[in-house]
Amino acid sequence: MEDDPHNLDPRMGEKSPENVPLTTNHDHSSGVENGNSKFQMADDVADYTGVMVKDEKGASGDDDEFVRQSWGRKLEYVLSMVGFCVGLGNVWRFPYVCMRNGGGAFLIPFFLCLLTCGLPLFLLEVGMGQFIAKSSLHLFEMCPLFKGVGIAMNISALISQWYYITILAWTLVFVAHSFRDPLPWTLCGQWWNSENCVLTSGGERHTKMQEGNATLMMNNTLVVNGSDVGQIDNLTMSYNFTLANISSQANMSAAKPASAEFWLNNVLEISPGFGHMDGLVWSNCLALAVAIICVTFGIIRGIKSVGKVVYVTATLPYILITVLLIKGATLPGALDGILFYVRPDFSKLLETSTWVEASLQVFYSLGPCYGILITMASYNKFNNNCLKDSILLTLFCEGTSVYAGLAVFSVLGHMAHTLDIPVENVTKAGPGLAFVVYPEAISYLPVPQLWAVLFFIMLFTVGLDSQFVCIETVLTTAADLWPHILRRREVLFKCAFMLLMYLLSLPFVSRLK
């Protein structure tokens, strides 16, 4: 019986489980001719994809032949994609964006943008990567005019992972400080504090002033040197207080919270810019080295090692978020925080900015156009159901954003309850939420060291997954460009690349004064 060329896997030039072997030995001339034509078809596809074709004896005539890796299990691919899509933005960006744009009402434009923009783009990139079985750079070789798109994708991935590794280093610095008692971001009078430090502790606020000591009580009454000098109005998260009847002994106009000063003056040692560099922050350098080592061990064997590591790094954040949510839900004021987070304001749907931010959040979370989705899907089997994967992954990953927001706002609600201030006064987006507001909120919990360690380990593992696949995308492109060189020296090449990345990231941990 003659082989059916339609059963061939066009990426590999090999038979699928139901296929007939590619090689034939027919005595009649037509069979030989058909067999040769099928060999020619497979060779043409192999030339395009860069994958060499074996005969049934496994010989190709080239000693330098390489075989492209593939996922050991379907679950490894799923967890890797979840690890990439669920990043730090799901924890520190989505909750604030959702709250600011109508709470529960924001979910309407968010999921509409997800279904009409995010999901089609996700499916498009996954489908292309799975079909061609090559990196994003090679994908656009089908149309040389667009080859620059593949180059731009890899440059974007390279730049993003360049600074992203520094964020992981910051979380490790906070993990180390979380074992201290008391927590250092709840202290004033330390070397990193200014004269206007405001300390939150035990239901009272103490501030070290230039002229005399002041205590800010829970009822917003300012007491200077034992004398009640008046009430404080308009308490905000930036702690820029407007005072009434305040004496000249205290100047609260420049008051700063202890948690913000710890972040800016201890962890970052920040200054106006690169023109004021003065050495390195050695604690951050050490944390950066640890983060680099963790990433290196995760990618050292390509997707085979990434696929094993994500069993821990992709699932642990969900366990820790659930623990934080359960604890936060039992605290006084947690319900107020959650209701503030999800309470719908449908009038926001009439504002253009709400729809713009919904689209931005979808793109920010799913991460299309970086080439990462293409690269990860290129390791799939050719007949994998990418449509089903795309639907489930997009819904699951974006649902994680909503779930993480519940854990964040339950604790922020307790903080607002303890301080007797509105919840909106303790909300912030970006690193300010993760490294200033939430650490201070944790200080109000029983055994705050435990919850601080869990929170920052969760942040580290959330970001670690994204770093794995982002770097693997760049390395896969390099390996596809020079397979016969880099695949022989894979470990050495990756170690050298990560060392270079460490050196290039040192300006981000410099002392800028």
Protein backbone atom coordinates (compact mmCIF):
# COMPACT_ATOMS: atom_id res chain seq x y z
CA MET A 1 0.00 0.00 0.00
CA GLU A 2 1.32 3.45 -0.86
CA ASP A 3 1.89 6.07 1.82
CA ASP A 4 -0.57 8.90 2.17
CA PRO A 5 1.34 12.18 2.08
CA HIS A 6 -1.52 13.91 3.92
CA ASN A 7 -0.64 12.00 7.10
CA LEU A 8 2.82 13.53 7.34
CA ASP A 9 3.64 16.01 10.08
CA PRO A 10 4.69 18.98 7.92
CA ARG A 11 6.92 20.39 10.69
CA MET A 12 9.02 17.30 11.31
CA GLY A 13 8.84 15.26 8.16
CA GLU A 14 8.01 12.30 10.40
CA LYS A 15 4.99 10.11 10.75
CA SER A 16 2.39 10.77 13.40
CA PRO A 17 1.17 7.86 15.57
CA GLU A 18 -1.37 6.86 12.94
CA ASN A 19 0.91 7.49 10.00
CA VAL A 20 2.65 5.05 7.72
CA PRO A 21 6.48 5.25 7.62
CA LEU A 22 7.83 7.79 5.23
CA THR A 23 10.25 5.48 3.39
CA THR A 24 9.04 2.92 0.88
CA ASN A 25 10.59 0.13 -1.16
CA HIS A 26 8.29 -0.49 -4.07
CA ASP A 27 9.38 -2.64 -6.95
CA HIS A 28 7.18 -0.88 -9.48
CA SER A 29 8.35 2.45 -10.79
CA SER A 30 5.27 4.42 -9.72
CA GLY A 31 5.85 3.52 -6.06
CA VAL A 32 9.46 4.61 -6.24
CA GLU A 33 8.45 7.83 -7.88
CA ASN A 34 5.79 8.52 -5.24
CA GLY A 35 8.24 7.73 -2.48
CA ASN A 36 10.81 10.11 -3.93
CA SER A 37 8.24 12.85 -4.26
CA LYS A 38 7.30 12.46 -0.63
CA PHE A 39 10.94 12.63 0.39
CA GLN A 40 11.23 15.84 -1.61
CA MET A 41 8.18 17.31 0.13
CA ALA A 42 9.57 16.49 3.57
CA ASP A 43 12.97 17.91 2.61
CA ASP A 44 11.36 21.14 1.46
CA VAL A 45 9.53 21.51 4.77
CA ALA A 46 12.67 20.62 6.70
CA ASP A 47 14.62 23.28 4.86
CA TYR A 48 11.99 25.83 5.87
CA THR A 49 11.65 24.83 9.52
CA GLY A 50 15.29 24.04 10.17
CA VAL A 51 14.50 20.51 11.38
CA MET A 52 16.34 17.66 9.64
CA VAL A 53 14.50 14.56 8.50
CA LYS A 54 15.45 11.08 9.59
CA ASP A 55 14.81 7.90 7.71
CA GLU A 56 13.40 4.87 9.50
CA LYS A 57 16.92 3.86 10.61
CA GLY A 58 17.39 7.25 12.27
CA ALA A 59 20.24 8.29 9.99
CA SER A 60 20.35 11.59 8.20
CA GLY A 61 23.86 11.54 6.87
CA ASP A 62 24.82 14.55 9.02
CA ASP A 63 26.65 13.97 12.26
CA ASP A 64 25.69 17.43 13.44
CA GLU A 65 21.97 16.75 13.34
CA PHE A 66 19.97 18.12 16.23
CA VAL A 67 16.51 17.27 17.52
CA ARG A 68 14.36 20.11 18.85
CA GLN A 69 13.08 19.68 22.38
CA SER A 70 9.42 19.33 23.20
CA TRP A 71 7.38 19.51 26.37
CA GLY A 72 7.57 16.33 28.42
CA ARG A 73 3.91 16.67 29.40
CA LYS A 74 1.04 18.88 28.41
CA LEU A 75 0.83 20.13 32.00
CA GLU A 76 4.34 21.56 31.76
CA TYR A 77 3.28 23.74 28.83
CA VAL A 78 0.12 24.87 30.63
CA LEU A 79 1.96 25.78 33.84
CA SER A 80 4.66 27.62 31.91
CA MET A 81 2.06 29.72 30.09
CA VAL A 82 0.24 30.41 33.36
CA GLY A 83 3.54 31.40 34.96
CA PHE A 84 4.22 33.87 32.16
CA CYS A 85 0.76 35.43 31.96
CA VAL A 86 0.31 35.67 35.74
CA GLY A 87 2.97 38.17 36.69
CA LEU A 88 3.52 41.03 39.10
CA GLY A 89 1.03 43.18 37.21
CA ASN A 90 -1.76 40.85 38.29
CA VAL A 91 -0.91 41.57 41.93
CA TRP A 92 0.03 45.24 42.01
CA ARG A 93 -1.60 46.74 38.91
CA PHE A 94 -4.94 45.10 38.22
CA PRO A 95 -6.53 45.64 41.68
CA TYR A 96 -5.84 49.37 41.59
CA VAL A 97 -6.89 49.77 37.95
CA CYS A 98 -10.10 47.86 38.64
CA MET A 99 -10.91 49.94 41.72
CA ARG A 100 -10.16 53.23 39.95
CA ASN A 101 -12.33 52.43 36.93
CA GLY A 102 -15.60 51.41 38.46
CA GLY A 103 -14.86 48.34 40.58
CA GLY A 104 -17.03 45.45 39.49
CA ALA A 105 -18.27 47.46 36.51
CA PHE A 106 -14.69 47.47 35.15
CA LEU A 107 -14.99 43.71 34.56
CA ILE A 108 -17.43 44.37 31.70
CA PRO A 109 -14.99 46.24 29.41
CA PHE A 110 -12.15 44.09 30.70
CA PHE A 111 -13.65 40.79 29.62
CA LEU A 112 -15.03 42.29 26.39
CA CYS A 113 -11.52 43.40 25.47
CA LEU A 114 -10.24 39.99 26.51
CA LEU A 115 -12.64 38.14 24.23
CA THR A 116 -12.39 40.49 21.23
CA CYS A 117 -8.68 41.39 21.36
CA GLY A 118 -6.72 39.34 23.87
CA LEU A 119 -7.98 35.86 23.04
CA PRO A 120 -7.69 36.18 19.22
CA LEU A 121 -4.12 37.49 19.49
CA PHE A 122 -3.23 34.80 22.00
CA LEU A 123 -4.61 32.09 19.73
CA LEU A 124 -2.92 33.59 16.67
CA GLU A 125 0.55 33.56 18.23
CA VAL A 126 0.14 30.14 19.83
CA GLY A 127 -1.15 28.64 16.58
CA MET A 128 1.67 30.09 14.49
CA GLY A 129 4.33 28.97 16.96
CA GLN A 130 2.90 25.46 17.20
CA PHE A 131 2.73 25.08 13.44
CA ILE A 132 6.19 26.34 12.54
CA ALA A 133 8.02 24.88 15.58
CA LYS A 134 10.54 27.71 15.56
CA SER A 135 11.20 30.91 17.49
CA SER A 136 9.51 34.22 16.76
CA LEU A 137 12.50 35.44 14.75
CA HIS A 138 12.25 32.57 12.28
CA LEU A 139 8.47 32.68 12.13
CA PHE A 140 8.48 35.81 9.98
CA GLU A 141 10.96 34.37 7.51
CA MET A 142 7.90 33.23 5.59
CA CYS A 143 7.64 36.88 4.55
CA PRO A 144 11.07 38.56 4.61
CA LEU A 145 9.42 41.97 4.57
CA PHE A 146 8.20 41.32 8.15
CA LYS A 147 11.38 39.75 9.50
CA GLY A 148 11.99 42.94 11.45
CA VAL A 149 8.87 42.15 13.48
CA GLY A 150 10.54 39.03 14.83
CA ILE A 151 13.69 41.00 15.63
CA ALA A 152 11.64 43.64 17.46
CA MET A 153 9.87 40.94 19.49
CA ASN A 154 13.16 39.53 20.74
CA ILE A 155 14.55 42.97 21.53
CA SER A 156 11.41 43.74 23.54
CA ALA A 157 11.71 40.48 25.46
CA LEU A 158 15.40 41.16 26.12
CA ILE A 159 14.77 44.67 27.45
CA SER A 160 11.87 43.59 29.67
CA GLN A 161 13.79 40.77 31.32
CA TRP A 162 16.77 43.11 31.79
CA TYR A 163 14.93 45.25 34.34
CA TYR A 164 12.49 42.57 35.53
CA ILE A 165 15.26 40.61 37.24
CA THR A 166 15.95 43.67 39.42
CA ILE A 167 12.37 43.61 40.72
CA LEU A 168 12.92 40.00 41.78
CA ALA A 169 16.04 41.14 43.63
CA TRP A 170 14.03 43.75 45.52
CA THR A 171 11.55 41.11 46.68
CA LEU A 172 14.45 39.02 48.02
CA VAL A 173 15.72 42.06 49.97
CA PHE A 174 12.30 42.38 51.59
CA VAL A 175 12.24 38.64 52.32
CA ALA A 176 15.51 38.99 54.25
CA HIS A 177 14.25 42.01 56.20
CA SER A 178 10.95 40.26 56.96
CA PHE A 179 12.66 38.04 59.54
CA ARG A 180 13.57 41.04 61.71
CA ASP A 181 11.62 42.01 64.79
CA PRO A 182 10.32 44.66 64.63
CA LEU A 183 9.91 44.97 60.89
CA PRO A 184 12.34 47.66 59.70
CA TRP A 185 9.76 49.53 57.63
CA THR A 186 7.80 50.23 60.83
CA LEU A 187 10.69 52.13 62.46
CA CYS A 188 11.82 55.74 62.59
CA GLY A 189 15.13 57.04 63.90
CA GLN A 190 17.17 54.68 61.71
CA TRP A 191 20.00 55.70 59.39
CA TRP A 192 17.69 55.73 56.39
CA ASN A 193 15.02 57.93 58.02
CA SER A 194 14.71 61.66 57.58
CA GLU A 195 13.75 64.23 60.18
CA ASN A 196 10.13 64.04 59.03
CA CYS A 197 9.61 60.28 59.44
CA VAL A 198 6.11 59.22 60.46
CA LEU A 199 5.88 55.84 62.19
CA THR A 200 2.78 53.69 62.40
CA SER A 201 2.88 51.42 65.43
CA GLY A 202 0.36 49.90 67.79
CA GLY A 203 -2.52 52.18 66.87
CA GLU A 204 -0.47 55.36 67.29
CA ARG A 205 1.69 57.41 64.96
CA HIS A 206 4.94 58.85 66.25
CA THR A 207 6.91 61.39 64.31
CA LYS A 208 10.44 62.63 64.85
CA MET A 209 10.47 66.37 64.16
CA GLN A 210 13.27 68.85 63.82
CA GLU A 211 12.05 70.79 66.86
CA GLY A 212 10.55 68.58 69.52
CA ASN A 213 8.70 65.26 69.49
CA ALA A 214 5.15 64.83 68.25
CA THR A 215 2.62 62.02 68.52
CA LEU A 216 -0.29 61.60 66.16
CA MET A 217 -3.06 59.69 67.97
CA MET A 218 -5.68 57.51 66.31
CA ASN A 219 -8.28 60.31 66.56
CA ASN A 220 -5.99 62.46 64.37
CA THR A 221 -5.06 64.69 67.32
CA LEU A 222 -1.52 66.05 67.20
CA VAL A 223 0.31 66.16 70.52
CA VAL A 224 3.60 68.08 70.64
CA ASN A 225 5.74 67.82 73.79
CA GLY A 226 2.75 66.65 75.77
CA SER A 227 0.43 69.45 74.66
CA ASP A 228 -2.63 68.96 72.50
CA VAL A 229 -2.18 71.45 69.67
CA GLY A 230 -5.12 70.60 67.48
CA GLN A 231 -6.74 68.26 65.01
CA ILE A 232 -5.34 66.98 61.68
CA ASP A 233 -7.52 67.01 58.60
CA ASN A 234 -7.23 65.32 55.22
CA LEU A 235 -5.13 62.32 56.21
CA THR A 236 -3.85 60.73 53.00
CA MET A 237 -1.56 57.92 52.05
CA SER A 238 1.24 60.35 51.29
CA TYR A 239 0.94 61.66 54.85
CA ASN A 240 1.01 65.30 53.78
CA PHE A 241 -1.06 66.56 56.66
CA THR A 242 -2.92 69.87 56.79
CA LEU A 243 -2.82 71.09 60.38
CA ALA A 244 -5.01 73.47 62.32
CA ASN A 245 -3.63 75.51 65.21
CA ILE A 246 -0.22 73.86 65.05
CA SER A 247 2.65 75.39 67.00
CA SER A 248 6.02 76.35 65.54
CA GLN A 249 7.59 73.39 67.34
CA ALA A 250 6.50 70.97 64.62
CA ASN A 251 6.28 71.20 60.87
CA MET A 252 4.19 68.41 59.44
CA SER A 253 4.08 69.68 55.84
CA ALA A 254 6.87 67.33 54.74
CA ALA A 255 5.96 64.28 56.83
CA LYS A 256 6.79 60.92 55.22
CA PRO A 257 5.72 57.41 56.25
CA ALA A 258 8.36 55.06 57.61
CA SER A 259 7.51 52.41 55.01
CA ALA A 260 8.09 54.84 52.12
CA GLU A 261 11.40 56.01 53.57
CA PHE A 262 12.55 52.42 54.05
CA TRP A 263 11.73 51.67 50.40
CA LEU A 264 13.29 54.80 48.93
CA ASN A 265 16.24 55.39 51.25
CA ASN A 266 17.19 51.88 52.39
CA VAL A 267 16.29 49.49 49.58
CA LEU A 268 16.71 51.81 46.60
CA GLU A 269 18.90 54.58 48.04
CA ILE A 270 17.34 56.61 45.31
CA SER A 271 18.52 59.95 43.90
CA PRO A 272 17.56 62.30 41.03
CA GLY A 273 19.25 60.23 38.32
CA PHE A 274 22.21 58.34 36.88
CA GLY A 275 24.35 61.45 37.07
CA HIS A 276 24.65 60.95 40.83
CA MET A 277 25.90 57.35 40.96
CA ASP A 278 28.07 56.58 43.99
CA GLY A 279 28.93 52.88 44.12
CA LEU A 280 26.64 49.87 44.53
CA VAL A 281 24.07 48.88 47.14
CA TRP A 282 25.70 45.62 48.16
CA SER A 283 22.56 44.08 49.65
CA ASN A 284 20.83 44.57 46.31
CA CYS A 285 23.85 43.21 44.44
CA LEU A 286 23.72 40.05 46.52
CA ALA A 287 19.97 39.72 46.03
CA LEU A 288 20.43 40.25 42.28
CA ALA A 289 23.04 37.49 42.21
CA VAL A 290 20.67 35.10 44.02
CA ALA A 291 17.87 35.94 41.57
CA ILE A 292 20.22 35.37 38.61
CA ILE A 293 21.30 31.99 40.03
CA CYS A 294 17.67 30.91 40.55
CA VAL A 295 16.78 31.82 36.96
CA THR A 296 19.91 30.11 35.62
CA PHE A 297 19.09 26.83 37.32
CA GLY A 298 15.54 27.07 35.97
CA ILE A 299 16.57 27.46 32.33
CA ILE A 300 19.84 25.51 32.32
CA ARG A 301 18.33 22.61 30.33
CA GLY A 302 15.85 24.61 28.32
CA ILE A 303 12.21 23.68 28.50
CA LYS A 304 13.06 20.36 30.12
CA SER A 305 14.22 22.14 33.27
CA VAL A 306 11.65 24.95 32.96
CA GLY A 307 8.89 22.38 32.64
CA LYS A 308 9.92 20.80 35.95
CA VAL A 309 10.50 24.01 37.91
CA VAL A 310 7.08 25.46 37.08
CA TYR A 311 5.41 22.64 39.00
CA VAL A 312 6.51 24.61 42.08
CA THR A 313 6.85 28.21 40.93
CA ALA A 314 3.52 28.33 39.06
CA THR A 315 1.44 26.68 41.80
CA LEU A 316 3.03 28.12 44.96
CA PRO A 317 1.72 31.68 44.33
CA TYR A 318 -1.86 30.39 44.29
CA ILE A 319 -1.34 28.62 47.60
CA LEU A 320 0.15 31.72 49.20
CA ILE A 321 -2.50 34.06 47.75
CA THR A 322 -5.18 31.75 49.13
CA VAL A 323 -3.54 31.74 52.57
CA LEU A 324 -3.33 35.55 52.55
CA LEU A 325 -6.95 35.82 51.42
CA ILE A 326 -8.21 33.48 54.15
CA LYS A 327 -6.27 35.39 56.79
CA GLY A 328 -7.32 38.77 55.41
CA ALA A 329 -10.99 37.78 55.27
CA THR A 330 -10.99 37.07 59.02
CA LEU A 331 -9.71 40.55 59.94
CA PRO A 332 -11.89 43.49 61.01
CA GLY A 333 -12.54 45.82 58.10
CA ALA A 334 -11.74 43.22 55.44
CA LEU A 335 -15.28 43.31 54.08
CA ASP A 336 -15.07 47.08 53.63
CA GLY A 337 -11.92 46.67 51.56
CA ILE A 338 -13.39 43.92 49.38
CA LEU A 339 -16.63 45.83 48.83
CA PHE A 340 -14.65 48.93 47.89
CA TYR A 341 -12.77 46.77 45.36
CA VAL A 342 -15.79 45.15 43.68
CA ARG A 343 -18.56 47.74 44.21
CA PRO A 344 -19.71 48.65 40.67
CA ASP A 345 -19.81 52.22 39.43
CA PHE A 346 -21.50 51.93 36.05
CA SER A 347 -21.04 55.62 35.30
CA LYS A 348 -17.35 54.84 34.65
CA LEU A 349 -18.38 52.84 31.59
CA LEU A 350 -19.21 56.11 29.84
CA GLU A 351 -15.61 57.29 30.16
CA THR A 352 -13.17 56.48 27.37
CA SER A 353 -10.30 56.05 29.82
CA THR A 354 -12.01 53.04 31.38
CA TRP A 355 -12.05 51.17 28.07
CA VAL A 356 -8.48 52.21 27.30
CA GLU A 357 -7.25 50.91 30.65
CA ALA A 358 -9.18 47.66 30.17
CA SER A 359 -7.40 47.09 26.85
CA LEU A 360 -4.03 48.00 28.35
CA GLN A 361 -4.51 45.56 31.21
CA VAL A 362 -5.39 42.72 28.83
CA PHE A 363 -2.26 43.30 26.75
CA TYR A 364 -0.16 43.86 29.86
CA SER A 365 -1.21 40.54 31.36
CA LEU A 366 -1.38 38.19 28.36
CA GLY A 367 1.86 39.53 26.89
CA PRO A 368 1.34 39.20 23.14
CA CYS A 369 3.86 40.71 20.70
CA TYR A 370 6.89 39.72 22.80
CA GLY A 371 7.40 36.47 20.92
CA ILE A 372 7.09 34.51 24.16
CA LEU A 373 3.75 32.89 23.31
CA ILE A 374 5.13 31.87 19.91
CA THR A 375 8.28 30.35 21.38
CA MET A 376 6.56 28.39 24.16
CA ALA A 377 3.96 27.02 21.75
CA SER A 378 6.69 26.00 19.29
CA TYR A 379 7.60 23.15 21.64
CA ASN A 380 4.08 21.67 21.45
CA LYS A 381 3.12 18.62 19.47
CA PHE A 382 1.82 19.47 16.04
CA ASN A 383 -1.70 18.12 16.67
CA ASN A 384 -2.13 19.83 20.07
CA ASN A 385 -5.52 21.51 20.52
CA CYS A 386 -4.27 25.09 20.71
CA LEU A 387 -7.79 26.59 20.51
CA LYS A 388 -8.89 24.86 23.70
CA ASP A 389 -5.63 25.80 25.42
CA SER A 390 -5.97 29.45 24.46
CA ILE A 391 -9.51 29.77 25.76
CA LEU A 392 -8.78 28.10 29.09
CA LEU A 393 -5.46 29.88 29.65
CA THR A 394 -6.75 33.38 28.94
CA LEU A 395 -9.80 32.96 31.19
CA PHE A 396 -7.80 31.35 33.98
CA CYS A 397 -4.97 33.89 33.92
CA GLU A 398 -7.24 36.92 33.89
CA GLY A 399 -9.40 35.35 36.59
CA THR A 400 -6.25 35.23 38.71
CA SER A 401 -6.09 39.03 38.56
CA VAL A 402 -9.53 39.30 40.15
CA TYR A 403 -8.65 36.66 42.74
CA ALA A 404 -5.40 38.38 43.75
CA GLY A 405 -7.26 41.66 44.14
CA LEU A 406 -9.47 40.09 46.81
CA ALA A 407 -6.42 39.12 48.86
CA VAL A 408 -4.88 42.59 48.50
CA PHE A 409 -7.96 44.61 49.38
CA SER A 410 -8.96 42.42 52.32
CA VAL A 411 -5.71 43.38 54.06
CA LEU A 412 -5.92 47.03 52.93
CA GLY A 413 -9.46 47.15 54.33
CA HIS A 414 -8.14 46.01 57.69
CA MET A 415 -5.44 48.68 57.56
CA ALA A 416 -8.02 51.38 56.82
CA HIS A 417 -10.18 50.06 59.65
CA THR A 418 -7.28 50.17 62.10
CA LEU A 419 -6.33 53.72 61.10
CA ASP A 420 -9.98 54.81 60.95
CA ILE A 421 -9.60 56.29 57.49
CA PRO A 422 -11.37 55.59 54.16
CA VAL A 423 -10.08 52.69 52.08
CA GLU A 424 -9.38 54.94 49.11
CA ASN A 425 -6.70 56.69 51.17
CA VAL A 426 -4.58 53.54 51.44
CA THR A 427 -4.60 52.45 47.81
CA LYS A 428 -1.79 52.83 45.33
CA ALA A 429 -0.70 51.19 42.08
CA GLY A 430 2.58 49.67 40.95
CA PRO A 431 5.61 49.09 43.16
CA GLY A 432 4.17 51.52 45.71
CA LEU A 433 1.47 48.97 46.52
CA ALA A 434 3.82 46.00 46.76
CA PHE A 435 6.74 47.66 48.54
CA VAL A 436 5.17 50.50 50.56
CA VAL A 437 1.45 50.14 51.23
CA TYR A 438 1.06 46.37 51.58
CA PRO A 439 4.14 45.88 53.81
CA GLU A 440 2.75 48.52 56.16
CA ALA A 441 -0.66 46.84 56.07
CA ILE A 442 0.99 43.53 56.99
CA SER A 443 2.54 45.16 60.07
CA TYR A 444 -0.96 45.37 61.58
CA LEU A 445 -1.44 41.59 61.43
CA PRO A 446 -0.59 39.20 64.26
CA VAL A 447 2.91 37.74 63.75
CA PRO A 448 3.61 40.21 60.91
CA GLN A 449 6.97 38.57 60.12
CA LEU A 450 5.22 35.38 58.97
CA TRP A 451 2.82 37.18 56.63
CA ALA A 452 5.57 39.41 55.27
CA VAL A 453 7.70 36.37 54.37
CA LEU A 454 4.74 34.65 52.68
CA PHE A 455 3.80 37.78 50.73
CA PHE A 456 7.25 38.51 49.36
CA ILE A 457 7.97 34.85 48.55
CA MET A 458 4.70 34.91 46.62
CA LEU A 459 5.86 38.00 44.70
CA PHE A 460 9.21 36.37 43.96
CA THR A 461 7.70 33.15 42.58
CA VAL A 462 5.11 35.10 40.55
CA GLY A 463 7.87 37.06 38.85
CA LEU A 464 10.24 34.11 38.55
CA ASP A 465 7.95 32.24 36.14
CA SER A 466 7.72 35.25 33.84
CA GLN A 467 11.50 35.60 33.91
CA PHE A 468 11.99 31.93 32.98
CA VAL A 469 9.99 32.05 29.77
CA CYS A 470 11.13 35.56 28.83
CA ILE A 471 14.81 34.60 28.92
CA GLU A 472 14.13 31.23 27.31
CA THR A 473 12.53 33.07 24.38
CA VAL A 474 15.74 35.01 23.70
CA LEU A 475 17.92 31.92 24.17
CA THR A 476 15.71 29.83 21.89
CA THR A 477 16.10 32.41 19.14
CA ALA A 478 19.88 32.25 19.50
CA ALA A 479 19.82 28.44 19.52
CA ASP A 480 17.69 28.36 16.36
CA LEU A 481 20.11 30.74 14.64
CA TRP A 482 23.23 28.72 15.47
CA PRO A 483 21.95 25.25 16.43
CA HIS A 484 25.10 23.28 15.68
CA ILE A 485 27.19 25.54 17.91
CA LEU A 486 24.96 26.54 20.83
CA ARG A 487 23.17 23.24 21.36
CA ARG A 488 26.51 21.53 21.92
CA ARG A 489 27.52 24.13 24.51
CA GLU A 490 24.08 24.92 25.87
CA VAL A 491 25.02 25.05 29.56
CA LEU A 492 28.13 27.16 28.99
CA PHE A 493 26.29 29.57 26.72
CA LYS A 494 23.42 30.08 29.17
CA CYS A 495 25.76 30.62 32.12
CA ALA A 496 27.70 33.21 30.11
CA PHE A 497 24.46 34.92 29.05
CA MET A 498 23.19 35.14 32.64
CA LEU A 499 26.54 36.47 33.84
CA LEU A 500 26.35 39.17 31.19
CA MET A 501 22.81 39.94 32.28
CA TYR A 502 23.99 40.31 35.88
CA LEU A 503 26.68 42.80 34.86
CA LEU A 504 24.26 44.79 32.70
CA SER A 505 21.76 44.96 35.59
CA LEU A 506 24.22 46.39 38.11
CA PRO A 507 23.30 50.03 37.29
CA PHE A 508 19.80 49.25 38.57
CA VAL A 509 21.21 48.39 42.01
CA SER A 510 23.70 51.26 42.20
CA ARG A 511 23.76 53.81 44.97
CA LEU A 512 22.37 56.95 43.39
CA LYS A 513 23.21 59.94 45.53
